[in-house]
Amino acid sequence: MTAHTTLDEIFEAIDAVDFPAGKETLVETARRAGASGEVVVALQEIPAEQYGSLQDIARSVRLDPDSDMHRTPGEKGAQARQGGKPGLSQHLRDAPKPPVDEELER
């Protein structure tokens, strides 16, 4: 699921968190700060791991592609091609089909 919020809203909600922080700490901090439901949902959907900075969270949270991320179209494309942190879901990456699959479709 994609959250309909912005990175600015998420960062504002977890402003009081001390890094490194785990997913549950981030979610609880956002709730205590009175964050919107969309912000809480966005944080609940990130992988359960330790985050060392806001940039780590930005790479892991799934946002609506139309959200205001203060990024140029080139930066958004680069993120889509590169994906998030290694080993995490690559929901934005378009993976080409293996040649074998292409042959079987003929």
PDB file of N, CA and C in Angstrom:
ATOM      1  N   MET A   1       0.842  -1.173   0.000  1.00  0.00           N
ATOM      2  CA  MET A   1       0.000   0.000   0.000  1.00  0.00           C
ATOM      3  C   MET A   1       0.889   1.239   0.000  1.00  0.00           C
ATOM      4  N   THR A   2       0.453   2.262  -0.679  1.00  0.00           N
ATOM      5  CA  THR A   2       1.191   3.504  -0.774  1.00  0.00           C
ATOM      6  C   THR A   2       0.516   4.553   0.096  1.00  0.00           C
ATOM      7  N   ALA A   3       1.296   5.256   0.891  1.00  0.00           N
ATOM      8  CA  ALA A   3       0.755   6.285   1.772  1.00  0.00           C
ATOM      9  C   ALA A   3       0.550   7.581   1.002  1.00  0.00           C
ATOM     10  N   HIS A   4      -0.518   8.284   1.326  1.00  0.00           N
ATOM     11  CA  HIS A   4      -0.812   9.573   0.706  1.00  0.00           C
ATOM     12  C   HIS A   4      -0.382  10.681   1.667  1.00  0.00           C
ATOM     13  N   THR A   5       0.894  10.803   1.853  1.00  0.00           N
ATOM     14  CA  THR A   5       1.484  11.799   2.732  1.00  0.00           C
ATOM     15  C   THR A   5       2.788  12.255   2.096  1.00  0.00           C
ATOM     16  N   THR A   6       3.511  13.114   2.767  1.00  0.00           N
ATOM     17  CA  THR A   6       4.778  13.598   2.242  1.00  0.00           C
ATOM     18  C   THR A   6       5.899  13.295   3.220  1.00  0.00           C
ATOM     19  N   LEU A   7       7.117  13.347   2.719  1.00  0.00           N
ATOM     20  CA  LEU A   7       8.259  13.148   3.596  1.00  0.00           C
ATOM     21  C   LEU A   7       8.324  14.233   4.665  1.00  0.00           C
ATOM     22  N   ASP A   8       7.970  15.457   4.306  1.00  0.00           N
ATOM     23  CA  ASP A   8       7.985  16.538   5.289  1.00  0.00           C
ATOM     24  C   ASP A   8       7.059  16.233   6.463  1.00  0.00           C
ATOM     25  N   GLU A   9       5.861  15.708   6.183  1.00  0.00           N
ATOM     26  CA  GLU A   9       4.924  15.355   7.254  1.00  0.00           C
ATOM     27  C   GLU A   9       5.480  14.231   8.117  1.00  0.00           C
ATOM     28  N   ILE A  10       6.104  13.254   7.484  1.00  0.00           N
ATOM     29  CA  ILE A  10       6.683  12.140   8.231  1.00  0.00           C
ATOM     30  C   ILE A  10       7.833  12.635   9.096  1.00  0.00           C
ATOM     31  N   PHE A  11       8.715  13.437   8.526  1.00  0.00           N
ATOM     32  CA  PHE A  11       9.857  13.952   9.283  1.00  0.00           C
ATOM     33  C   PHE A  11       9.403  14.828  10.451  1.00  0.00           C
ATOM     34  N   GLU A  12       8.358  15.612  10.244  1.00  0.00           N
ATOM     35  CA  GLU A  12       7.833  16.461  11.316  1.00  0.00           C
ATOM     36  C   GLU A  12       7.286  15.609  12.463  1.00  0.00           C
ATOM     37  N   ALA A  13       6.625  14.509  12.127  1.00  0.00           N
ATOM     38  CA  ALA A  13       6.024  13.634  13.134  1.00  0.00           C
ATOM     39  C   ALA A  13       7.066  12.896  13.968  1.00  0.00           C
ATOM     40  N   ILE A  14       8.232  12.634  13.396  1.00  0.00           N
ATOM     41  CA  ILE A  14       9.259  11.881  14.136  1.00  0.00           C
ATOM     42  C   ILE A  14      10.441  12.761  14.504  1.00  0.00           C
ATOM     43  N   ASP A  15      10.213  14.060  14.562  1.00  0.00           N
ATOM     44  CA  ASP A  15      11.266  15.030  14.863  1.00  0.00           C
ATOM     45  C   ASP A  15      11.952  14.745  16.203  1.00  0.00           C
ATOM     46  N   ALA A  16      11.204  14.215  17.178  1.00  0.00           N
ATOM     47  CA  ALA A  16      11.747  14.007  18.522  1.00  0.00           C
ATOM     48  C   ALA A  16      12.494  12.683  18.693  1.00  0.00           C
ATOM     49  N   VAL A  17      12.558  11.875  17.673  1.00  0.00           N
ATOM     50  CA  VAL A  17      13.180  10.554  17.812  1.00  0.00           C
ATOM     51  C   VAL A  17      14.705  10.666  17.846  1.00  0.00           C
ATOM     52  N   ASP A  18      15.302   9.809  18.669  1.00  0.00           N
ATOM     53  CA  ASP A  18      16.766   9.715  18.727  1.00  0.00           C
ATOM     54  C   ASP A  18      17.198   8.525  17.880  1.00  0.00           C
ATOM     55  N   PHE A  19      18.141   8.768  16.984  1.00  0.00           N
ATOM     56  CA  PHE A  19      18.642   7.699  16.112  1.00  0.00           C
ATOM     57  C   PHE A  19      19.846   7.041  16.741  1.00  0.00           C
ATOM     58  N   PRO A  20      20.079   5.764  16.490  1.00  0.00           N
ATOM     59  CA  PRO A  20      19.272   4.847  15.674  1.00  0.00           C
ATOM     60  C   PRO A  20      17.958   4.503  16.376  1.00  0.00           C
ATOM     61  N   ALA A  21      16.953   4.224  15.559  1.00  0.00           N
ATOM     62  CA  ALA A  21      15.631   3.907  16.075  1.00  0.00           C
ATOM     63  C   ALA A  21      15.004   2.804  15.239  1.00  0.00           C
ATOM     64  N   GLY A  22      14.228   1.970  15.905  1.00  0.00           N
ATOM     65  CA  GLY A  22      13.524   0.892  15.224  1.00  0.00           C
ATOM     66  C   GLY A  22      12.159   1.350  14.740  1.00  0.00           C
ATOM     67  N   LYS A  23      11.547   0.514  13.968  1.00  0.00           N
ATOM     68  CA  LYS A  23      10.241   0.812  13.380  1.00  0.00           C
ATOM     69  C   LYS A  23       9.207   1.150  14.450  1.00  0.00           C
ATOM     70  N   GLU A  24       9.124   0.337  15.509  1.00  0.00           N
ATOM     71  CA  GLU A  24       8.114   0.562  16.548  1.00  0.00           C
ATOM     72  C   GLU A  24       8.323   1.889  17.259  1.00  0.00           C
ATOM     73  N   THR A  25       9.572   2.265  17.475  1.00  0.00           N
ATOM     74  CA  THR A  25       9.866   3.555  18.093  1.00  0.00           C
ATOM     75  C   THR A  25       9.387   4.693  17.200  1.00  0.00           C
ATOM     76  N   LEU A  26       9.607   4.568  15.905  1.00  0.00           N
ATOM     77  CA  LEU A  26       9.175   5.595  14.963  1.00  0.00           C
ATOM     78  C   LEU A  26       7.658   5.730  14.942  1.00  0.00           C
ATOM     79  N   VAL A  27       6.963   4.605  14.928  1.00  0.00           N
ATOM     80  CA  VAL A  27       5.501   4.619  14.906  1.00  0.00           C
ATOM     81  C   VAL A  27       4.957   5.245  16.187  1.00  0.00           C
ATOM     82  N   GLU A  28       5.492   4.845  17.335  1.00  0.00           N
ATOM     83  CA  GLU A  28       5.018   5.381  18.609  1.00  0.00           C
ATOM     84  C   GLU A  28       5.315   6.869  18.739  1.00  0.00           C
ATOM     85  N   THR A  29       6.477   7.301  18.260  1.00  0.00           N
ATOM     86  CA  THR A  29       6.819   8.726  18.300  1.00  0.00           C
ATOM     87  C   THR A  29       5.835   9.530  17.455  1.00  0.00           C
ATOM     88  N   ALA A  30       5.499   9.020  16.284  1.00  0.00           N
ATOM     89  CA  ALA A  30       4.545   9.711  15.411  1.00  0.00           C
ATOM     90  C   ALA A  30       3.163   9.789  16.060  1.00  0.00           C
ATOM     91  N   ARG A  31       2.730   8.706  16.694  1.00  0.00           N
ATOM     92  CA  ARG A  31       1.422   8.710  17.367  1.00  0.00           C
ATOM     93  C   ARG A  31       1.394   9.737  18.495  1.00  0.00           C
ATOM     94  N   ARG A  32       2.452   9.748  19.313  1.00  0.00           N
ATOM     95  CA  ARG A  32       2.510  10.700  20.433  1.00  0.00           C
ATOM     96  C   ARG A  32       2.560  12.146  19.946  1.00  0.00           C
ATOM     97  N   ALA A  33       3.104  12.358  18.756  1.00  0.00           N
ATOM     98  CA  ALA A  33       3.189  13.711  18.199  1.00  0.00           C
ATOM     99  C   ALA A  33       1.871  14.142  17.554  1.00  0.00           C
ATOM    100  N   GLY A  34       0.885  13.246  17.529  1.00  0.00           N
ATOM    101  CA  GLY A  34      -0.411  13.577  16.939  1.00  0.00           C
ATOM    102  C   GLY A  34      -0.407  13.550  15.417  1.00  0.00           C
ATOM    103  N   ALA A  35       0.429  12.700  14.849  1.00  0.00           N
ATOM    104  CA  ALA A  35       0.532  12.602  13.384  1.00  0.00           C
ATOM    105  C   ALA A  35      -0.766  12.082  12.781  1.00  0.00           C
ATOM    106  N   SER A  36      -0.979  12.423  11.528  1.00  0.00           N
ATOM    107  CA  SER A  36      -2.167  11.950  10.812  1.00  0.00           C
ATOM    108  C   SER A  36      -2.104  10.432  10.641  1.00  0.00           C
ATOM    109  N   GLY A  37      -3.252   9.863  10.354  1.00  0.00           N
ATOM    110  CA  GLY A  37      -3.315   8.421  10.137  1.00  0.00           C
ATOM    111  C   GLY A  37      -2.452   7.971   8.974  1.00  0.00           C
ATOM    112  N   GLU A  38      -2.357   8.795   7.943  1.00  0.00           N
ATOM    113  CA  GLU A  38      -1.542   8.446   6.777  1.00  0.00           C
ATOM    114  C   GLU A  38      -0.060   8.359   7.136  1.00  0.00           C
ATOM    115  N   VAL A  39       0.400   9.256   8.002  1.00  0.00           N
ATOM    116  CA  VAL A  39       1.802   9.227   8.428  1.00  0.00           C
ATOM    117  C   VAL A  39       2.067   7.957   9.220  1.00  0.00           C
ATOM    118  N   VAL A  40       1.162   7.623  10.128  1.00  0.00           N
ATOM    119  CA  VAL A  40       1.322   6.411  10.945  1.00  0.00           C
ATOM    120  C   VAL A  40       1.322   5.169  10.052  1.00  0.00           C
ATOM    121  N   VAL A  41       0.416   5.126   9.085  1.00  0.00           N
ATOM    122  CA  VAL A  41       0.354   3.984   8.157  1.00  0.00           C
ATOM    123  C   VAL A  41       1.664   3.873   7.372  1.00  0.00           C
ATOM    124  N   ALA A  42       2.174   5.000   6.895  1.00  0.00           N
ATOM    125  CA  ALA A  42       3.426   4.979   6.129  1.00  0.00           C
ATOM    126  C   ALA A  42       4.555   4.401   6.962  1.00  0.00           C
ATOM    127  N   LEU A  43       4.620   4.757   8.231  1.00  0.00           N
ATOM    128  CA  LEU A  43       5.680   4.241   9.109  1.00  0.00           C
ATOM    129  C   LEU A  43       5.443   2.784   9.482  1.00  0.00           C
ATOM    130  N   GLN A  44       4.195   2.377   9.591  1.00  0.00           N
ATOM    131  CA  GLN A  44       3.898   0.974   9.904  1.00  0.00           C
ATOM    132  C   GLN A  44       4.295   0.050   8.762  1.00  0.00           C
ATOM    133  N   GLU A  45       4.356   0.573   7.551  1.00  0.00           N
ATOM    134  CA  GLU A  45       4.658  -0.257   6.387  1.00  0.00           C
ATOM    135  C   GLU A  45       6.144  -0.357   6.059  1.00  0.00           C
ATOM    136  N   ILE A  46       7.003   0.349   6.786  1.00  0.00           N
ATOM    137  CA  ILE A  46       8.433   0.226   6.506  1.00  0.00           C
ATOM    138  C   ILE A  46       8.946  -1.070   7.101  1.00  0.00           C
ATOM    139  N   PRO A  47      10.036  -1.617   6.574  1.00  0.00           N
ATOM    140  CA  PRO A  47      10.591  -2.855   7.119  1.00  0.00           C
ATOM    141  C   PRO A  47      11.037  -2.683   8.566  1.00  0.00           C
ATOM    142  N   ALA A  48      10.898  -3.742   9.341  1.00  0.00           N
ATOM    143  CA  ALA A  48      11.291  -3.725  10.753  1.00  0.00           C
ATOM    144  C   ALA A  48      12.807  -3.868  10.849  1.00  0.00           C
ATOM    145  N   GLU A  49      13.474  -2.745  11.004  1.00  0.00           N
ATOM    146  CA  GLU A  49      14.921  -2.728  11.156  1.00  0.00           C
ATOM    147  C   GLU A  49      15.319  -1.457  11.880  1.00  0.00           C
ATOM    148  N   GLN A  50      16.587  -1.290  12.151  1.00  0.00           N
ATOM    149  CA  GLN A  50      17.093  -0.082  12.789  1.00  0.00           C
ATOM    150  C   GLN A  50      17.393   0.961  11.714  1.00  0.00           C
ATOM    151  N   TYR A  51      16.936   2.183  11.937  1.00  0.00           N
ATOM    152  CA  TYR A  51      17.165   3.284  11.013  1.00  0.00           C
ATOM    153  C   TYR A  51      18.120   4.271  11.670  1.00  0.00           C
ATOM    154  N   GLY A  52      19.157   4.637  10.947  1.00  0.00           N
ATOM    155  CA  GLY A  52      20.193   5.506  11.493  1.00  0.00           C
ATOM    156  C   GLY A  52      20.001   6.977  11.193  1.00  0.00           C
ATOM    157  N   SER A  53      19.101   7.299  10.261  1.00  0.00           N
ATOM    158  CA  SER A  53      18.910   8.705   9.888  1.00  0.00           C
ATOM    159  C   SER A  53      17.570   8.868   9.177  1.00  0.00           C
ATOM    160  N   LEU A  54      17.207  10.122   8.961  1.00  0.00           N
ATOM    161  CA  LEU A  54      15.988  10.414   8.215  1.00  0.00           C
ATOM    162  C   LEU A  54      16.100   9.920   6.774  1.00  0.00           C
ATOM    163  N   GLN A  55      17.304   9.960   6.217  1.00  0.00           N
ATOM    164  CA  GLN A  55      17.494   9.493   4.843  1.00  0.00           C
ATOM    165  C   GLN A  55      17.217   7.999   4.723  1.00  0.00           C
ATOM    166  N   ASP A  56      17.574   7.222   5.744  1.00  0.00           N
ATOM    167  CA  ASP A  56      17.262   5.787   5.726  1.00  0.00           C
ATOM    168  C   ASP A  56      15.751   5.579   5.679  1.00  0.00           C
ATOM    169  N   ILE A  57      15.026   6.381   6.434  1.00  0.00           N
ATOM    170  CA  ILE A  57      13.565   6.271   6.446  1.00  0.00           C
ATOM    171  C   ILE A  57      13.006   6.691   5.095  1.00  0.00           C
ATOM    172  N   ALA A  58      13.539   7.766   4.533  1.00  0.00           N
ATOM    173  CA  ALA A  58      13.066   8.254   3.234  1.00  0.00           C
ATOM    174  C   ALA A  58      13.229   7.195   2.152  1.00  0.00           C
ATOM    175  N   ARG A  59      14.282   6.389   2.237  1.00  0.00           N
ATOM    176  CA  ARG A  59      14.499   5.334   1.238  1.00  0.00           C
ATOM    177  C   ARG A  59      13.535   4.165   1.413  1.00  0.00           C
ATOM    178  N   SER A  60      13.008   3.992   2.630  1.00  0.00           N
ATOM    179  CA  SER A  60      12.197   2.820   2.921  1.00  0.00           C
ATOM    180  C   SER A  60      10.694   3.058   2.868  1.00  0.00           C
ATOM    181  N   VAL A  61      10.266   4.282   3.092  1.00  0.00           N
ATOM    182  CA  VAL A  61       8.835   4.562   3.132  1.00  0.00           C
ATOM    183  C   VAL A  61       8.272   4.607   1.714  1.00  0.00           C
ATOM    184  N   ARG A  62       7.067   4.058   1.554  1.00  0.00           N
ATOM    185  CA  ARG A  62       6.408   4.055   0.246  1.00  0.00           C
ATOM    186  C   ARG A  62       5.424   5.197   0.202  1.00  0.00           C
ATOM    187  N   LEU A  63       5.682   6.138  -0.680  1.00  0.00           N
ATOM    188  CA  LEU A  63       4.823   7.305  -0.826  1.00  0.00           C
ATOM    189  C   LEU A  63       4.122   7.288  -2.165  1.00  0.00           C
ATOM    190  N   ASP A  64       3.045   8.020  -2.227  1.00  0.00           N
ATOM    191  CA  ASP A  64       2.341   8.221  -3.479  1.00  0.00           C
ATOM    192  C   ASP A  64       3.301   8.920  -4.436  1.00  0.00           C
ATOM    193  N   PRO A  65       3.481   8.427  -5.646  1.00  0.00           N
ATOM    194  CA  PRO A  65       4.411   9.062  -6.577  1.00  0.00           C
ATOM    195  C   PRO A  65       4.096  10.528  -6.843  1.00  0.00           C
ATOM    196  N   ASP A  66       2.846  10.933  -6.653  1.00  0.00           N
ATOM    197  CA  ASP A  66       2.473  12.323  -6.881  1.00  0.00           C
ATOM    198  C   ASP A  66       2.692  13.204  -5.658  1.00  0.00           C
ATOM    199  N   SER A  67       3.179  12.615  -4.552  1.00  0.00           N
ATOM    200  CA  SER A  67       3.378  13.419  -3.350  1.00  0.00           C
ATOM    201  C   SER A  67       4.523  14.405  -3.546  1.00  0.00           C
ATOM    202  N   ASP A  68       4.539  15.427  -2.745  1.00  0.00           N
ATOM    203  CA  ASP A  68       5.557  16.469  -2.836  1.00  0.00           C
ATOM    204  C   ASP A  68       6.813  16.003  -2.112  1.00  0.00           C
ATOM    205  N   MET A  69       7.772  15.494  -2.849  1.00  0.00           N
ATOM    206  CA  MET A  69       9.007  14.998  -2.236  1.00  0.00           C
ATOM    207  C   MET A  69      10.156  15.965  -2.447  1.00  0.00           C
ATOM    208  N   HIS A  70       9.884  17.142  -3.003  1.00  0.00           N
ATOM    209  CA  HIS A  70      10.928  18.137  -3.255  1.00  0.00           C
ATOM    210  C   HIS A  70      12.067  17.537  -4.068  1.00  0.00           C
ATOM    211  N   ARG A  71      11.715  16.763  -5.042  1.00  0.00           N
ATOM    212  CA  ARG A  71      12.723  16.163  -5.918  1.00  0.00           C
ATOM    213  C   ARG A  71      12.398  16.503  -7.353  1.00  0.00           C
ATOM    214  N   THR A  72      13.446  16.634  -8.130  1.00  0.00           N
ATOM    215  CA  THR A  72      13.264  16.892  -9.552  1.00  0.00           C
ATOM    216  C   THR A  72      12.829  15.600 -10.231  1.00  0.00           C
ATOM    217  N   PRO A  73      12.268  15.694 -11.435  1.00  0.00           N
ATOM    218  CA  PRO A  73      11.912  14.462 -12.147  1.00  0.00           C
ATOM    219  C   PRO A  73      13.119  13.538 -12.340  1.00  0.00           C
ATOM    220  N   GLY A  74      14.294  14.104 -12.547  1.00  0.00           N
ATOM    221  CA  GLY A  74      15.494  13.278 -12.691  1.00  0.00           C
ATOM    222  C   GLY A  74      15.833  12.525 -11.418  1.00  0.00           C
ATOM    223  N   GLU A  75      15.680  13.184 -10.273  1.00  0.00           N
ATOM    224  CA  GLU A  75      15.949  12.526  -8.996  1.00  0.00           C
ATOM    225  C   GLU A  75      14.925  11.430  -8.711  1.00  0.00           C
ATOM    226  N   LYS A  76      13.659  11.683  -9.062  1.00  0.00           N
ATOM    227  CA  LYS A  76      12.630  10.661  -8.874  1.00  0.00           C
ATOM    228  C   LYS A  76      12.911   9.447  -9.761  1.00  0.00           C
ATOM    229  N   GLY A  77      13.352   9.701 -10.997  1.00  0.00           N
ATOM    230  CA  GLY A  77      13.687   8.599 -11.895  1.00  0.00           C
ATOM    231  C   GLY A  77      14.867   7.800 -11.392  1.00  0.00           C
ATOM    232  N   ALA A  78      15.870   8.503 -10.867  1.00  0.00           N
ATOM    233  CA  ALA A  78      17.044   7.806 -10.331  1.00  0.00           C
ATOM    234  C   ALA A  78      16.651   6.926  -9.156  1.00  0.00           C
ATOM    235  N   GLN A  79      15.765   7.419  -8.283  1.00  0.00           N
ATOM    236  CA  GLN A  79      15.328   6.607  -7.157  1.00  0.00           C
ATOM    237  C   GLN A  79      14.534   5.396  -7.649  1.00  0.00           C
ATOM    238  N   ALA A  80      13.712   5.589  -8.668  1.00  0.00           N
ATOM    239  CA  ALA A  80      12.927   4.484  -9.201  1.00  0.00           C
ATOM    240  C   ALA A  80      13.837   3.411  -9.794  1.00  0.00           C
ATOM    241  N   ARG A  81      14.908   3.839 -10.472  1.00  0.00           N
ATOM    242  CA  ARG A  81      15.830   2.861 -11.055  1.00  0.00           C
ATOM    243  C   ARG A  81      16.669   2.180  -9.985  1.00  0.00           C
ATOM    244  N   GLN A  82      17.086   2.940  -8.993  1.00  0.00           N
ATOM    245  CA  GLN A  82      17.980   2.405  -7.972  1.00  0.00           C
ATOM    246  C   GLN A  82      17.232   1.669  -6.880  1.00  0.00           C
ATOM    247  N   GLY A  83      16.033   2.113  -6.557  1.00  0.00           N
ATOM    248  CA  GLY A  83      15.270   1.509  -5.480  1.00  0.00           C
ATOM    249  C   GLY A  83      15.751   1.996  -4.132  1.00  0.00           C
ATOM    250  N   GLY A  84      15.359   1.317  -3.085  1.00  0.00           N
ATOM    251  CA  GLY A  84      15.709   1.715  -1.719  1.00  0.00           C
ATOM    252  C   GLY A  84      17.003   1.103  -1.261  1.00  0.00           C
ATOM    253  N   LYS A  85      17.053   0.804   0.022  1.00  0.00           N
ATOM    254  CA  LYS A  85      18.252   0.210   0.584  1.00  0.00           C
ATOM    255  C   LYS A  85      18.423  -1.208   0.031  1.00  0.00           C
ATOM    256  N   PRO A  86      19.645  -1.678  -0.106  1.00  0.00           N
ATOM    257  CA  PRO A  86      19.858  -3.036  -0.607  1.00  0.00           C
ATOM    258  C   PRO A  86      19.133  -4.062   0.254  1.00  0.00           C
ATOM    259  N   GLY A  87      18.464  -4.985  -0.389  1.00  0.00           N
ATOM    260  CA  GLY A  87      17.779  -6.057   0.315  1.00  0.00           C
ATOM    261  C   GLY A  87      16.331  -5.746   0.661  1.00  0.00           C
ATOM    262  N   LEU A  88      15.897  -4.516   0.468  1.00  0.00           N
ATOM    263  CA  LEU A  88      14.519  -4.174   0.766  1.00  0.00           C
ATOM    264  C   LEU A  88      13.682  -4.276  -0.498  1.00  0.00           C
ATOM    265  N   SER A  89      12.386  -4.197  -0.314  1.00  0.00           N
ATOM    266  CA  SER A  89      11.468  -4.277  -1.445  1.00  0.00           C
ATOM    267  C   SER A  89      11.796  -3.228  -2.498  1.00  0.00           C
ATOM    268  N   GLN A  90      11.800  -3.627  -3.717  1.00  0.00           N
ATOM    269  CA  GLN A  90      12.110  -2.720  -4.818  1.00  0.00           C
ATOM    270  C   GLN A  90      10.830  -2.410  -5.572  1.00  0.00           C
ATOM    271  N   HIS A  91       9.844  -1.840  -4.867  1.00  0.00           N
ATOM    272  CA  HIS A  91       8.515  -1.642  -5.441  1.00  0.00           C
ATOM    273  C   HIS A  91       8.492  -0.668  -6.605  1.00  0.00           C
ATOM    274  N   LEU A  92       9.500   0.166  -6.731  1.00  0.00           N
ATOM    275  CA  LEU A  92       9.493   1.131  -7.824  1.00  0.00           C
ATOM    276  C   LEU A  92      10.327   0.678  -9.024  1.00  0.00           C
ATOM    277  N   ARG A  93      11.059  -0.390  -8.858  1.00  0.00           N
ATOM    278  CA  ARG A  93      11.962  -0.824  -9.916  1.00  0.00           C
ATOM    279  C   ARG A  93      11.224  -1.630 -10.969  1.00  0.00           C
ATOM    280  N   ASP A  94      11.424  -1.261 -12.212  1.00  0.00           N
ATOM    281  CA  ASP A  94      10.898  -2.048 -13.332  1.00  0.00           C
ATOM    282  C   ASP A  94      11.970  -3.056 -13.728  1.00  0.00           C
ATOM    283  N   ALA A  95      11.724  -4.295 -13.410  1.00  0.00           N
ATOM    284  CA  ALA A  95      12.698  -5.338 -13.724  1.00  0.00           C
ATOM    285  C   ALA A  95      12.382  -5.918 -15.096  1.00  0.00           C
ATOM    286  N   PRO A  96      13.364  -5.978 -15.983  1.00  0.00           N
ATOM    287  CA  PRO A  96      13.111  -6.578 -17.291  1.00  0.00           C
ATOM    288  C   PRO A  96      12.856  -8.077 -17.147  1.00  0.00           C
ATOM    289  N   LYS A  97      12.058  -8.594 -18.056  1.00  0.00           N
ATOM    290  CA  LYS A  97      11.787 -10.033 -18.033  1.00  0.00           C
ATOM    291  C   LYS A  97      13.037 -10.791 -18.445  1.00  0.00           C
ATOM    292  N   PRO A  98      13.256 -11.942 -17.832  1.00  0.00           N
ATOM    293  CA  PRO A  98      14.376 -12.776 -18.268  1.00  0.00           C
ATOM    294  C   PRO A  98      14.145 -13.240 -19.713  1.00  0.00           C
ATOM    295  N   PRO A  99      15.208 -13.413 -20.481  1.00  0.00           N
ATOM    296  CA  PRO A  99      15.055 -13.839 -21.881  1.00  0.00           C
ATOM    297  C   PRO A  99      14.258 -15.135 -22.032  1.00  0.00           C
ATOM    298  N   VAL A 100      14.360 -16.011 -21.059  1.00  0.00           N
ATOM    299  CA  VAL A 100      13.632 -17.279 -21.137  1.00  0.00           C
ATOM    300  C   VAL A 100      12.129 -17.018 -21.131  1.00  0.00           C
ATOM    301  N   ASP A 101      11.679 -16.117 -20.259  1.00  0.00           N
ATOM    302  CA  ASP A 101      10.252 -15.791 -20.215  1.00  0.00           C
ATOM    303  C   ASP A 101       9.782 -15.172 -21.517  1.00  0.00           C
ATOM    304  N   GLU A 102      10.596 -14.332 -22.127  1.00  0.00           N
ATOM    305  CA  GLU A 102      10.239 -13.727 -23.391  1.00  0.00           C
ATOM    306  C   GLU A 102      10.102 -14.796 -24.486  1.00  0.00           C
ATOM    307  N   GLU A 103      10.992 -15.773 -24.486  1.00  0.00           N
ATOM    308  CA  GLU A 103      10.928 -16.852 -25.476  1.00  0.00           C
ATOM    309  C   GLU A 103       9.663 -17.702 -25.282  1.00  0.00           C
ATOM    310  N   LEU A 104       9.293 -17.962 -24.011  1.00  0.00           N
ATOM    311  CA  LEU A 104       8.134 -18.801 -23.741  1.00  0.00           C
ATOM    312  C   LEU A 104       6.833 -18.104 -24.125  1.00  0.00           C
ATOM    313  N   GLU A 105       6.812 -16.770 -24.145  1.00  0.00           N
ATOM    314  CA  GLU A 105       5.602 -16.045 -24.495  1.00  0.00           C
ATOM    315  C   GLU A 105       5.346 -16.043 -25.994  1.00  0.00           C
ATOM    316  N   ARG A 106       6.322 -16.396 -26.786  1.00  0.00           N
ATOM    317  CA  ARG A 106       6.163 -16.379 -28.254  1.00  0.00           C
ATOM    318  C   ARG A 106       5.391 -17.549 -28.742  1.00  0.00           C
TER     319      ARG A 106
END
